[in-house]
């Protein structure tokens, strides 16, 4: 029984991993159960069975993409002091995540946001939740840095959140659409320059 449960878990993980890879290229709505079945050498029923429905499989794919992002971008920063040191560490990790091609189709969050922003439903809700949590994390580090005197208090945290996310989204486009190999390094330089510009005067 235990071996059977472990095998079922491994199968589920294989399906989710394949789903993330295909989705990053073809989009959440562009990947069919048949596509994944062909990729994995499984039947359609075998692919959808561990999840109950295609929508639940899609939600599992989004959840896995979130785990990957957290591990690559947030966790390295958690080793640093909250506030500006953590923010700078996360910026560097964020740009490595973009430049290293973690997903074959580029930043999963960026592509999923563009695909689903005008499509109400549970998949859009899951992506919204992911984006909001990331923005909240950035906002918290900025306000913590302001409280510690590391960033100017007169500046609006949401402005910096928007600036950092905007640079990252532009870099993702430059990497994926334009094939610009310098985009990730440029994004890191621009983000860190923004953090420096937000330091208190004097």
N, C-alpha and C. Protein backbone atom coordinates (compact mmCIF):
# COMPACT_ATOMS: atom_id res chain seq x y z
N UNK A 1 0.83 -1.20 0.00
CA UNK A 1 0.00 0.00 0.00
C UNK A 1 0.87 1.25 0.00
N UNK A 2 1.93 1.25 0.85
CA UNK A 2 2.79 2.42 0.92
C UNK A 2 3.50 2.65 -0.40
N UNK A 3 3.98 1.55 -1.02
CA UNK A 3 4.67 1.67 -2.30
C UNK A 3 3.73 2.23 -3.34
N UNK A 4 2.48 1.80 -3.33
CA UNK A 4 1.49 2.28 -4.28
C UNK A 4 1.25 3.77 -4.11
N UNK A 5 1.19 4.23 -2.85
CA UNK A 5 0.96 5.65 -2.58
C UNK A 5 2.16 6.47 -3.03
N UNK A 6 3.37 5.95 -2.83
CA UNK A 6 4.58 6.66 -3.26
C UNK A 6 4.63 6.74 -4.78
N UNK A 7 4.24 5.68 -5.45
CA UNK A 7 4.24 5.68 -6.91
C UNK A 7 3.21 6.69 -7.43
N UNK A 8 2.06 6.74 -6.77
CA UNK A 8 1.02 7.69 -7.18
C UNK A 8 1.51 9.13 -7.01
N UNK A 9 2.23 9.37 -5.93
CA UNK A 9 2.77 10.72 -5.69
C UNK A 9 3.82 11.07 -6.74
N UNK A 10 4.68 10.12 -7.06
CA UNK A 10 5.71 10.38 -8.08
C UNK A 10 5.06 10.66 -9.44
N UNK A 11 4.02 9.90 -9.75
CA UNK A 11 3.31 10.13 -11.01
C UNK A 11 2.69 11.51 -11.03
N UNK A 12 2.08 11.89 -9.93
CA UNK A 12 1.47 13.22 -9.84
C UNK A 12 2.52 14.31 -10.03
N UNK A 13 3.68 14.13 -9.41
CA UNK A 13 4.75 15.11 -9.52
C UNK A 13 5.25 15.20 -10.96
N UNK A 14 5.38 14.06 -11.64
CA UNK A 14 5.81 14.06 -13.03
C UNK A 14 4.84 14.84 -13.90
N UNK A 15 3.56 14.64 -13.65
CA UNK A 15 2.54 15.33 -14.45
C UNK A 15 2.60 16.83 -14.21
N UNK A 16 2.73 17.24 -12.95
CA UNK A 16 2.79 18.66 -12.63
C UNK A 16 4.04 19.29 -13.23
N UNK A 17 5.18 18.60 -13.11
CA UNK A 17 6.43 19.12 -13.67
C UNK A 17 6.30 19.33 -15.18
N UNK A 18 5.73 18.33 -15.86
CA UNK A 18 5.55 18.45 -17.30
C UNK A 18 4.56 19.57 -17.63
N UNK A 19 3.54 19.70 -16.79
CA UNK A 19 2.54 20.74 -17.00
C UNK A 19 3.13 22.13 -16.88
N UNK A 20 4.02 22.32 -15.91
CA UNK A 20 4.66 23.63 -15.73
C UNK A 20 5.51 23.97 -16.95
N UNK A 21 6.29 23.00 -17.42
CA UNK A 21 7.16 23.24 -18.57
C UNK A 21 6.36 23.58 -19.81
N UNK A 22 5.32 22.81 -20.09
CA UNK A 22 4.50 23.06 -21.28
C UNK A 22 3.71 24.36 -21.15
N UNK A 23 3.20 24.61 -19.96
CA UNK A 23 2.39 25.81 -19.75
C UNK A 23 3.21 27.07 -19.91
N UNK A 24 4.46 27.04 -19.50
CA UNK A 24 5.29 28.24 -19.61
C UNK A 24 5.50 28.63 -21.08
N UNK A 25 5.35 27.68 -21.99
CA UNK A 25 5.52 27.95 -23.41
C UNK A 25 4.18 28.20 -24.10
N UNK A 26 3.20 27.33 -23.83
CA UNK A 26 1.93 27.36 -24.56
C UNK A 26 0.80 28.07 -23.83
N UNK A 27 1.04 28.46 -22.57
CA UNK A 27 -0.01 29.11 -21.81
C UNK A 27 -0.86 28.11 -21.05
N UNK A 28 -1.52 28.59 -20.01
CA UNK A 28 -2.33 27.70 -19.17
C UNK A 28 -3.47 27.09 -19.96
N UNK A 29 -4.10 27.88 -20.80
CA UNK A 29 -5.24 27.37 -21.57
C UNK A 29 -4.79 26.68 -22.85
N UNK A 30 -3.50 26.77 -23.19
CA UNK A 30 -3.03 26.18 -24.44
C UNK A 30 -2.56 24.75 -24.32
N UNK A 31 -2.45 24.25 -23.10
CA UNK A 31 -1.99 22.88 -22.88
C UNK A 31 -3.19 21.98 -22.60
N UNK A 32 -3.34 20.95 -23.39
CA UNK A 32 -4.45 20.02 -23.21
C UNK A 32 -4.00 18.77 -22.47
N UNK A 33 -4.96 18.03 -21.97
CA UNK A 33 -4.65 16.75 -21.34
C UNK A 33 -3.97 15.83 -22.35
N UNK A 34 -4.41 15.91 -23.62
CA UNK A 34 -3.81 15.09 -24.67
C UNK A 34 -2.36 15.44 -24.89
N UNK A 35 -2.03 16.74 -24.83
CA UNK A 35 -0.63 17.16 -24.98
C UNK A 35 0.25 16.52 -23.90
N UNK A 36 -0.22 16.63 -22.66
CA UNK A 36 0.56 16.08 -21.55
C UNK A 36 0.64 14.57 -21.62
N UNK A 37 -0.46 13.93 -22.02
CA UNK A 37 -0.45 12.47 -22.14
C UNK A 37 0.60 12.04 -23.16
N UNK A 38 0.67 12.75 -24.29
CA UNK A 38 1.66 12.42 -25.31
C UNK A 38 3.08 12.64 -24.82
N UNK A 39 3.29 13.73 -24.11
CA UNK A 39 4.62 14.04 -23.58
C UNK A 39 5.09 12.99 -22.59
N UNK A 40 4.16 12.54 -21.75
CA UNK A 40 4.51 11.62 -20.66
C UNK A 40 4.35 10.15 -21.04
N UNK A 41 3.78 9.88 -22.22
CA UNK A 41 3.53 8.50 -22.60
C UNK A 41 2.48 7.84 -21.74
N UNK A 42 1.45 8.63 -21.38
CA UNK A 42 0.38 8.13 -20.53
C UNK A 42 -0.96 8.29 -21.25
N UNK A 43 -1.98 7.67 -20.70
CA UNK A 43 -3.33 7.88 -21.22
C UNK A 43 -3.88 9.20 -20.68
N UNK A 44 -4.90 9.72 -21.34
CA UNK A 44 -5.52 10.95 -20.86
C UNK A 44 -6.10 10.74 -19.46
N UNK A 45 -6.72 9.58 -19.26
CA UNK A 45 -7.31 9.28 -17.95
C UNK A 45 -6.24 9.21 -16.88
N UNK A 46 -5.07 8.68 -17.25
CA UNK A 46 -3.97 8.59 -16.29
C UNK A 46 -3.42 9.94 -15.90
N UNK A 47 -3.47 10.90 -16.84
CA UNK A 47 -2.98 12.25 -16.56
C UNK A 47 -3.94 13.01 -15.67
N UNK A 48 -5.22 12.98 -15.99
CA UNK A 48 -6.19 13.78 -15.25
C UNK A 48 -6.62 13.10 -13.95
N UNK A 49 -6.46 11.78 -13.87
CA UNK A 49 -6.95 11.01 -12.72
C UNK A 49 -6.47 11.50 -11.37
N UNK A 50 -5.17 11.79 -11.18
CA UNK A 50 -4.69 12.21 -9.86
C UNK A 50 -5.25 13.57 -9.40
N UNK A 51 -5.87 14.31 -10.32
CA UNK A 51 -6.33 15.66 -9.98
C UNK A 51 -7.85 15.78 -9.99
N UNK A 52 -8.53 14.90 -10.71
CA UNK A 52 -9.99 14.94 -10.74
C UNK A 52 -10.56 15.73 -11.89
N UNK A 53 -9.82 16.75 -12.37
CA UNK A 53 -10.28 17.55 -13.49
C UNK A 53 -9.10 18.31 -14.08
N UNK A 54 -9.27 18.79 -15.29
CA UNK A 54 -8.21 19.57 -15.92
C UNK A 54 -7.97 20.86 -15.15
N UNK A 55 -9.02 21.46 -14.63
CA UNK A 55 -8.87 22.71 -13.88
C UNK A 55 -8.03 22.50 -12.62
N UNK A 56 -8.24 21.40 -11.93
CA UNK A 56 -7.45 21.12 -10.74
C UNK A 56 -5.99 20.86 -11.09
N UNK A 57 -5.75 20.26 -12.24
CA UNK A 57 -4.37 20.07 -12.72
C UNK A 57 -3.74 21.44 -13.00
N UNK A 58 -4.50 22.32 -13.63
CA UNK A 58 -4.00 23.66 -13.93
C UNK A 58 -3.67 24.42 -12.64
N UNK A 59 -4.52 24.26 -11.64
CA UNK A 59 -4.26 24.91 -10.34
C UNK A 59 -3.00 24.34 -9.70
N UNK A 60 -2.78 23.04 -9.85
CA UNK A 60 -1.57 22.42 -9.31
C UNK A 60 -0.33 22.94 -10.03
N UNK A 61 -0.46 23.20 -11.32
CA UNK A 61 0.65 23.76 -12.10
C UNK A 61 0.99 25.16 -11.61
N UNK A 62 -0.03 25.98 -11.37
CA UNK A 62 0.19 27.33 -10.86
C UNK A 62 0.85 27.27 -9.49
N UNK A 63 0.39 26.36 -8.64
CA UNK A 63 0.96 26.21 -7.30
C UNK A 63 2.43 25.80 -7.39
N UNK A 64 2.78 24.93 -8.32
CA UNK A 64 4.17 24.51 -8.48
C UNK A 64 5.03 25.67 -8.98
N UNK A 65 4.50 26.46 -9.89
CA UNK A 65 5.23 27.63 -10.37
C UNK A 65 5.50 28.60 -9.23
N UNK A 66 4.53 28.74 -8.34
CA UNK A 66 4.71 29.61 -7.17
C UNK A 66 5.83 29.06 -6.27
N UNK A 67 5.82 27.76 -6.02
CA UNK A 67 6.86 27.15 -5.19
C UNK A 67 8.24 27.38 -5.79
N UNK A 68 8.33 27.27 -7.10
CA UNK A 68 9.61 27.48 -7.78
C UNK A 68 10.07 28.92 -7.62
N UNK A 69 9.15 29.86 -7.77
CA UNK A 69 9.48 31.27 -7.64
C UNK A 69 9.93 31.59 -6.21
N UNK A 70 9.20 31.09 -5.24
CA UNK A 70 9.55 31.33 -3.84
C UNK A 70 10.94 30.78 -3.54
N UNK A 71 11.21 29.56 -4.00
CA UNK A 71 12.52 28.95 -3.73
C UNK A 71 13.65 29.71 -4.40
N UNK A 72 13.40 30.21 -5.61
CA UNK A 72 14.46 30.87 -6.37
C UNK A 72 14.66 32.33 -5.98
N UNK A 73 13.59 33.02 -5.60
CA UNK A 73 13.66 34.47 -5.42
C UNK A 73 13.52 34.92 -3.97
N UNK A 74 12.59 34.33 -3.23
CA UNK A 74 12.33 34.81 -1.87
C UNK A 74 13.25 34.16 -0.84
N UNK A 75 13.40 32.85 -0.92
CA UNK A 75 14.17 32.15 0.11
C UNK A 75 15.61 32.63 0.22
N UNK A 76 16.31 32.94 -0.89
CA UNK A 76 17.68 33.46 -0.73
C UNK A 76 17.71 34.76 0.08
N UNK A 77 16.67 35.58 -0.05
CA UNK A 77 16.63 36.83 0.69
C UNK A 77 16.32 36.67 2.16
N UNK A 78 15.68 35.57 2.51
CA UNK A 78 15.29 35.37 3.91
C UNK A 78 16.49 35.15 4.82
N UNK A 79 17.64 34.89 4.22
CA UNK A 79 18.86 34.74 5.02
C UNK A 79 19.45 36.10 5.41
N UNK A 80 18.90 37.16 4.84
CA UNK A 80 19.39 38.50 5.12
C UNK A 80 18.41 39.24 6.04
N UNK A 81 18.90 40.27 6.68
CA UNK A 81 18.08 41.10 7.57
C UNK A 81 16.89 41.68 6.80
N UNK A 82 15.71 41.67 7.45
CA UNK A 82 14.52 42.25 6.82
C UNK A 82 14.76 43.71 6.50
N UNK A 83 14.14 44.18 5.44
CA UNK A 83 14.31 45.56 5.02
C UNK A 83 15.18 45.64 3.79
N UNK A 84 16.04 46.64 3.71
CA UNK A 84 16.85 46.86 2.51
C UNK A 84 17.80 45.71 2.20
N UNK A 85 18.51 45.12 3.19
CA UNK A 85 19.39 43.98 2.85
C UNK A 85 18.62 42.82 2.20
N UNK A 86 17.45 42.51 2.73
CA UNK A 86 16.65 41.43 2.17
C UNK A 86 16.12 41.82 0.79
N UNK A 87 15.73 43.06 0.63
CA UNK A 87 15.21 43.54 -0.64
C UNK A 87 16.28 43.46 -1.72
N UNK A 88 17.50 43.88 -1.39
CA UNK A 88 18.59 43.82 -2.37
C UNK A 88 18.92 42.37 -2.74
N UNK A 89 18.91 41.49 -1.76
CA UNK A 89 19.19 40.08 -2.03
C UNK A 89 18.12 39.47 -2.93
N UNK A 90 16.87 39.83 -2.69
CA UNK A 90 15.77 39.31 -3.51
C UNK A 90 15.83 39.86 -4.92
N UNK A 91 16.22 41.11 -5.07
CA UNK A 91 16.36 41.70 -6.40
C UNK A 91 17.41 40.92 -7.20
N UNK A 92 18.54 40.63 -6.58
CA UNK A 92 19.59 39.88 -7.27
C UNK A 92 19.10 38.48 -7.64
N UNK A 93 18.40 37.82 -6.71
CA UNK A 93 17.88 36.49 -6.99
C UNK A 93 16.80 36.53 -8.07
N UNK A 94 15.99 37.56 -8.04
CA UNK A 94 14.92 37.75 -9.02
C UNK A 94 15.51 37.84 -10.43
N UNK A 95 16.56 38.62 -10.58
CA UNK A 95 17.18 38.80 -11.89
C UNK A 95 17.89 37.53 -12.34
N UNK A 96 18.47 36.78 -11.40
CA UNK A 96 19.05 35.47 -11.77
C UNK A 96 17.95 34.54 -12.26
N UNK A 97 16.82 34.55 -11.58
CA UNK A 97 15.66 33.73 -11.97
C UNK A 97 15.23 34.05 -13.39
N UNK A 98 15.20 35.33 -13.73
CA UNK A 98 14.82 35.74 -15.08
C UNK A 98 15.89 35.32 -16.10
N UNK A 99 17.14 35.55 -15.76
CA UNK A 99 18.22 35.30 -16.71
C UNK A 99 18.58 33.84 -16.90
N UNK A 100 18.33 33.03 -15.87
CA UNK A 100 18.72 31.62 -15.94
C UNK A 100 17.75 30.77 -16.75
N UNK A 101 16.60 31.32 -17.12
CA UNK A 101 15.62 30.55 -17.87
C UNK A 101 15.03 29.42 -17.05
N UNK A 102 14.61 29.76 -15.83
CA UNK A 102 14.03 28.75 -14.94
C UNK A 102 12.89 28.00 -15.62
N UNK A 103 12.07 28.74 -16.37
CA UNK A 103 11.00 28.14 -17.17
C UNK A 103 11.34 28.37 -18.65
N UNK A 104 11.11 27.40 -19.52
CA UNK A 104 11.50 27.56 -20.93
C UNK A 104 10.79 28.70 -21.64
N UNK A 105 9.60 29.06 -21.16
CA UNK A 105 8.85 30.15 -21.79
C UNK A 105 9.01 31.48 -21.08
N UNK A 106 9.99 31.58 -20.18
CA UNK A 106 10.19 32.83 -19.44
C UNK A 106 9.45 32.82 -18.12
N UNK A 107 9.36 34.00 -17.50
CA UNK A 107 8.74 34.10 -16.19
C UNK A 107 7.29 33.62 -16.24
N UNK A 108 7.00 32.57 -15.49
CA UNK A 108 5.66 31.98 -15.49
C UNK A 108 4.62 32.99 -15.03
N UNK A 109 4.95 33.75 -13.99
CA UNK A 109 3.98 34.70 -13.42
C UNK A 109 3.63 35.78 -14.44
N UNK A 110 4.63 36.28 -15.15
CA UNK A 110 4.39 37.33 -16.13
C UNK A 110 3.50 36.82 -17.26
N UNK A 111 3.82 35.65 -17.80
CA UNK A 111 3.04 35.12 -18.92
C UNK A 111 1.62 34.75 -18.48
N UNK A 112 1.49 34.16 -17.29
CA UNK A 112 0.15 33.79 -16.80
C UNK A 112 -0.69 35.03 -16.52
N UNK A 113 -0.05 36.08 -16.01
CA UNK A 113 -0.77 37.32 -15.74
C UNK A 113 -1.33 37.91 -17.03
N UNK A 114 -0.50 37.93 -18.08
CA UNK A 114 -0.94 38.47 -19.36
C UNK A 114 -2.04 37.63 -19.98
N UNK A 115 -1.93 36.31 -19.82
CA UNK A 115 -2.92 35.41 -20.42
C UNK A 115 -4.27 35.49 -19.74
N UNK A 116 -4.26 35.62 -18.41
CA UNK A 116 -5.50 35.48 -17.65
C UNK A 116 -6.08 36.79 -17.13
N UNK A 117 -5.43 37.91 -17.39
CA UNK A 117 -5.89 39.15 -16.75
C UNK A 117 -7.32 39.53 -17.14
N UNK A 118 -7.78 39.11 -18.32
CA UNK A 118 -9.15 39.43 -18.72
C UNK A 118 -10.08 38.24 -18.70
N UNK A 119 -9.70 37.17 -18.01
CA UNK A 119 -10.51 35.95 -17.98
C UNK A 119 -10.88 35.59 -16.55
N UNK A 120 -12.03 36.05 -16.08
CA UNK A 120 -12.44 35.72 -14.70
C UNK A 120 -12.54 34.22 -14.49
N UNK A 121 -12.24 33.79 -13.27
CA UNK A 121 -12.35 32.38 -12.93
C UNK A 121 -11.32 31.99 -11.89
N UNK A 122 -11.33 30.72 -11.52
CA UNK A 122 -10.46 30.26 -10.44
C UNK A 122 -8.99 30.31 -10.82
N UNK A 123 -8.68 30.11 -12.10
CA UNK A 123 -7.27 30.16 -12.52
C UNK A 123 -6.74 31.59 -12.40
N UNK A 124 -7.54 32.54 -12.86
CA UNK A 124 -7.14 33.95 -12.71
C UNK A 124 -7.00 34.30 -11.23
N UNK A 125 -7.94 33.82 -10.41
CA UNK A 125 -7.88 34.11 -8.98
C UNK A 125 -6.59 33.58 -8.36
N UNK A 126 -6.16 32.40 -8.81
CA UNK A 126 -4.93 31.81 -8.27
C UNK A 126 -3.71 32.65 -8.65
N UNK A 127 -3.69 33.16 -9.88
CA UNK A 127 -2.57 34.00 -10.31
C UNK A 127 -2.61 35.35 -9.59
N UNK A 128 -3.81 35.90 -9.43
CA UNK A 128 -3.95 37.16 -8.68
C UNK A 128 -3.40 36.99 -7.27
N UNK A 129 -3.75 35.89 -6.62
CA UNK A 129 -3.28 35.63 -5.26
C UNK A 129 -1.75 35.57 -5.22
N UNK A 130 -1.16 34.93 -6.21
CA UNK A 130 0.29 34.81 -6.28
C UNK A 130 0.93 36.19 -6.42
N UNK A 131 0.40 36.99 -7.35
CA UNK A 131 0.96 38.32 -7.60
C UNK A 131 0.78 39.23 -6.39
N UNK A 132 -0.38 39.16 -5.76
CA UNK A 132 -0.64 40.00 -4.58
C UNK A 132 0.31 39.63 -3.44
N UNK A 133 0.54 38.35 -3.24
CA UNK A 133 1.46 37.93 -2.18
C UNK A 133 2.88 38.44 -2.44
N UNK A 134 3.31 38.40 -3.70
CA UNK A 134 4.65 38.89 -4.04
C UNK A 134 4.73 40.41 -3.83
N UNK A 135 3.71 41.13 -4.28
CA UNK A 135 3.70 42.58 -4.08
C UNK A 135 3.67 42.92 -2.59
N UNK A 136 2.91 42.16 -1.82
CA UNK A 136 2.86 42.39 -0.37
C UNK A 136 4.23 42.16 0.27
N UNK A 137 4.94 41.14 -0.21
CA UNK A 137 6.28 40.86 0.30
C UNK A 137 7.21 42.03 0.02
N UNK A 138 7.21 42.54 -1.21
CA UNK A 138 8.03 43.69 -1.55
C UNK A 138 7.64 44.91 -0.73
N UNK A 139 6.34 45.13 -0.60
CA UNK A 139 5.83 46.27 0.17
C UNK A 139 6.32 46.20 1.62
N UNK A 140 6.27 45.00 2.20
CA UNK A 140 6.72 44.83 3.58
C UNK A 140 8.20 45.15 3.73
N UNK A 141 9.02 44.68 2.80
CA UNK A 141 10.46 44.96 2.90
C UNK A 141 10.74 46.46 2.75
N UNK A 142 9.98 47.12 1.88
CA UNK A 142 10.16 48.56 1.68
C UNK A 142 9.77 49.34 2.93
N UNK A 143 8.60 49.02 3.51
CA UNK A 143 8.17 49.75 4.71
C UNK A 143 9.07 49.44 5.90
N UNK A 144 9.59 48.20 5.96
CA UNK A 144 10.53 47.85 7.02
C UNK A 144 11.82 48.66 6.86
N UNK A 145 12.28 48.79 5.62
CA UNK A 145 13.48 49.59 5.36
C UNK A 145 13.24 51.06 5.69
N UNK A 146 12.06 51.56 5.40
CA UNK A 146 11.74 52.95 5.73
C UNK A 146 11.72 53.16 7.24
N UNK A 147 11.14 52.21 7.96
CA UNK A 147 11.08 52.33 9.42
C UNK A 147 12.48 52.30 10.03
N UNK A 148 13.41 51.60 9.38
CA UNK A 148 14.79 51.50 9.88
C UNK A 148 15.67 52.63 9.38
N UNK A 149 15.11 53.53 8.59
CA UNK A 149 15.90 54.64 8.07
C UNK A 149 16.77 54.27 6.88
N UNK A 150 16.52 53.10 6.29
CA UNK A 150 17.32 52.64 5.16
C UNK A 150 16.81 53.21 3.83
N UNK A 151 15.52 53.51 3.77
CA UNK A 151 14.90 54.14 2.61
C UNK A 151 14.12 55.36 3.09
N UNK A 152 13.97 56.35 2.21
CA UNK A 152 13.31 57.60 2.59
C UNK A 152 11.84 57.36 2.94
N UNK A 153 11.41 57.92 4.05
CA UNK A 153 10.03 57.73 4.51
C UNK A 153 9.03 58.49 3.65
N UNK A 154 9.49 59.55 2.97
CA UNK A 154 8.55 60.40 2.23
C UNK A 154 8.07 59.74 0.94
N UNK A 155 8.73 58.68 0.53
CA UNK A 155 8.37 58.01 -0.73
C UNK A 155 7.25 57.01 -0.49
N UNK A 156 6.45 56.77 -1.52
CA UNK A 156 5.31 55.86 -1.43
C UNK A 156 5.74 54.44 -1.79
N UNK A 157 5.61 53.47 -0.88
CA UNK A 157 6.08 52.10 -1.15
C UNK A 157 5.49 51.50 -2.42
N UNK A 158 4.21 51.74 -2.67
CA UNK A 158 3.60 51.15 -3.87
C UNK A 158 4.28 51.62 -5.15
N UNK A 159 4.83 52.84 -5.13
CA UNK A 159 5.54 53.33 -6.31
C UNK A 159 6.76 52.46 -6.61
N UNK A 160 7.52 52.13 -5.57
CA UNK A 160 8.71 51.31 -5.77
C UNK A 160 8.35 49.89 -6.17
N UNK A 161 7.27 49.36 -5.60
CA UNK A 161 6.81 48.02 -5.99
C UNK A 161 6.51 48.00 -7.49
N UNK A 162 5.81 49.03 -7.96
CA UNK A 162 5.46 49.11 -9.38
C UNK A 162 6.70 49.25 -10.25
N UNK A 163 7.65 50.07 -9.82
CA UNK A 163 8.89 50.26 -10.58
C UNK A 163 9.66 48.94 -10.71
N UNK A 164 9.82 48.23 -9.60
CA UNK A 164 10.59 46.98 -9.61
C UNK A 164 9.90 45.93 -10.48
N UNK A 165 8.60 45.80 -10.33
CA UNK A 165 7.87 44.83 -11.15
C UNK A 165 7.90 45.22 -12.62
N UNK A 166 7.82 46.52 -12.90
CA UNK A 166 7.86 46.97 -14.28
C UNK A 166 9.19 46.65 -14.94
N UNK A 167 10.28 46.84 -14.22
CA UNK A 167 11.60 46.50 -14.76
C UNK A 167 11.70 45.01 -15.03
N UNK A 168 11.20 44.20 -14.09
CA UNK A 168 11.26 42.74 -14.26
C UNK A 168 10.45 42.29 -15.46
N UNK A 169 9.26 42.86 -15.64
CA UNK A 169 8.41 42.46 -16.77
C UNK A 169 9.05 42.87 -18.10
N UNK A 170 9.67 44.05 -18.11
CA UNK A 170 10.37 44.49 -19.32
C UNK A 170 11.55 43.57 -19.62
N UNK A 171 12.29 43.20 -18.59
CA UNK A 171 13.43 42.30 -18.79
C UNK A 171 12.98 40.95 -19.33
N UNK A 172 11.87 40.44 -18.82
CA UNK A 172 11.35 39.16 -19.31
C UNK A 172 11.03 39.24 -20.80
N UNK A 173 10.42 40.35 -21.22
CA UNK A 173 10.12 40.54 -22.63
C UNK A 173 11.41 40.61 -23.47
N UNK A 174 12.39 41.34 -22.97
CA UNK A 174 13.64 41.49 -23.69
C UNK A 174 14.37 40.16 -23.83
N UNK A 175 14.28 39.35 -22.79
CA UNK A 175 14.94 38.03 -22.81
C UNK A 175 14.22 37.09 -23.77
N UNK A 176 12.89 37.00 -23.61
CA UNK A 176 12.12 36.00 -24.36
C UNK A 176 11.82 36.43 -25.79
N UNK A 177 11.43 37.68 -25.98
CA UNK A 177 11.01 38.12 -27.30
C UNK A 177 12.19 38.62 -28.14
N UNK A 178 13.11 39.32 -27.50
CA UNK A 178 14.20 39.95 -28.23
C UNK A 178 15.52 39.18 -28.15
N UNK A 179 15.57 38.17 -27.27
CA UNK A 179 16.79 37.39 -27.15
C UNK A 179 17.97 38.20 -26.62
N UNK A 180 17.67 39.18 -25.77
CA UNK A 180 18.70 40.07 -25.24
C UNK A 180 19.38 39.40 -24.04
N UNK A 181 20.61 38.96 -24.23
CA UNK A 181 21.32 38.24 -23.18
C UNK A 181 21.78 39.15 -22.05
N UNK A 182 21.76 40.45 -22.28
CA UNK A 182 22.20 41.40 -21.24
C UNK A 182 21.03 41.91 -20.41
N UNK A 183 19.81 41.50 -20.74
CA UNK A 183 18.62 42.07 -20.11
C UNK A 183 18.56 41.83 -18.60
N UNK A 184 18.90 40.64 -18.16
CA UNK A 184 18.82 40.33 -16.73
C UNK A 184 19.83 41.15 -15.94
N UNK A 185 21.04 41.27 -16.46
CA UNK A 185 22.06 42.08 -15.77
C UNK A 185 21.65 43.56 -15.75
N UNK A 186 21.08 44.02 -16.85
CA UNK A 186 20.62 45.41 -16.90
C UNK A 186 19.48 45.63 -15.91
N UNK A 187 18.57 44.69 -15.83
CA UNK A 187 17.44 44.80 -14.89
C UNK A 187 17.96 44.88 -13.45
N UNK A 188 18.94 44.04 -13.12
CA UNK A 188 19.51 44.08 -11.77
C UNK A 188 20.14 45.44 -11.48
N UNK A 189 20.89 45.95 -12.44
CA UNK A 189 21.53 47.26 -12.25
C UNK A 189 20.49 48.36 -12.06
N UNK A 190 19.42 48.32 -12.85
CA UNK A 190 18.39 49.35 -12.76
C UNK A 190 17.60 49.25 -11.45
N UNK A 191 17.29 48.02 -11.03
CA UNK A 191 16.56 47.84 -9.77
C UNK A 191 17.38 48.33 -8.58
N UNK A 192 18.66 47.94 -8.55
CA UNK A 192 19.52 48.35 -7.44
C UNK A 192 19.73 49.87 -7.45
N UNK A 193 19.77 50.44 -8.65
CA UNK A 193 19.90 51.91 -8.75
C UNK A 193 18.66 52.59 -8.17
N UNK A 194 17.50 52.00 -8.39
CA UNK A 194 16.27 52.56 -7.81
C UNK A 194 16.32 52.50 -6.27
N UNK A 195 16.80 51.38 -5.75
CA UNK A 195 16.91 51.27 -4.29
C UNK A 195 17.86 52.32 -3.75
N UNK A 196 18.96 52.55 -4.45
CA UNK A 196 19.91 53.58 -4.01
C UNK A 196 19.27 54.96 -4.07
N UNK A 197 18.48 55.18 -5.12
CA UNK A 197 17.84 56.49 -5.28
C UNK A 197 16.81 56.76 -4.19
N UNK A 198 16.31 55.70 -3.59
CA UNK A 198 15.30 55.85 -2.55
C UNK A 198 15.92 56.00 -1.15
N UNK A 199 17.24 55.96 -1.05
CA UNK A 199 17.88 56.13 0.25
C UNK A 199 17.69 57.56 0.75
N UNK A 200 17.67 57.76 2.05
CA UNK A 200 17.49 59.11 2.60
C UNK A 200 18.63 60.02 2.15
N UNK A 201 18.31 61.28 1.93
CA UNK A 201 19.34 62.25 1.51
C UNK A 201 20.27 62.55 2.68
N UNK A 202 21.53 62.78 2.36
CA UNK A 202 22.48 63.20 3.38
C UNK A 202 23.16 62.11 4.09
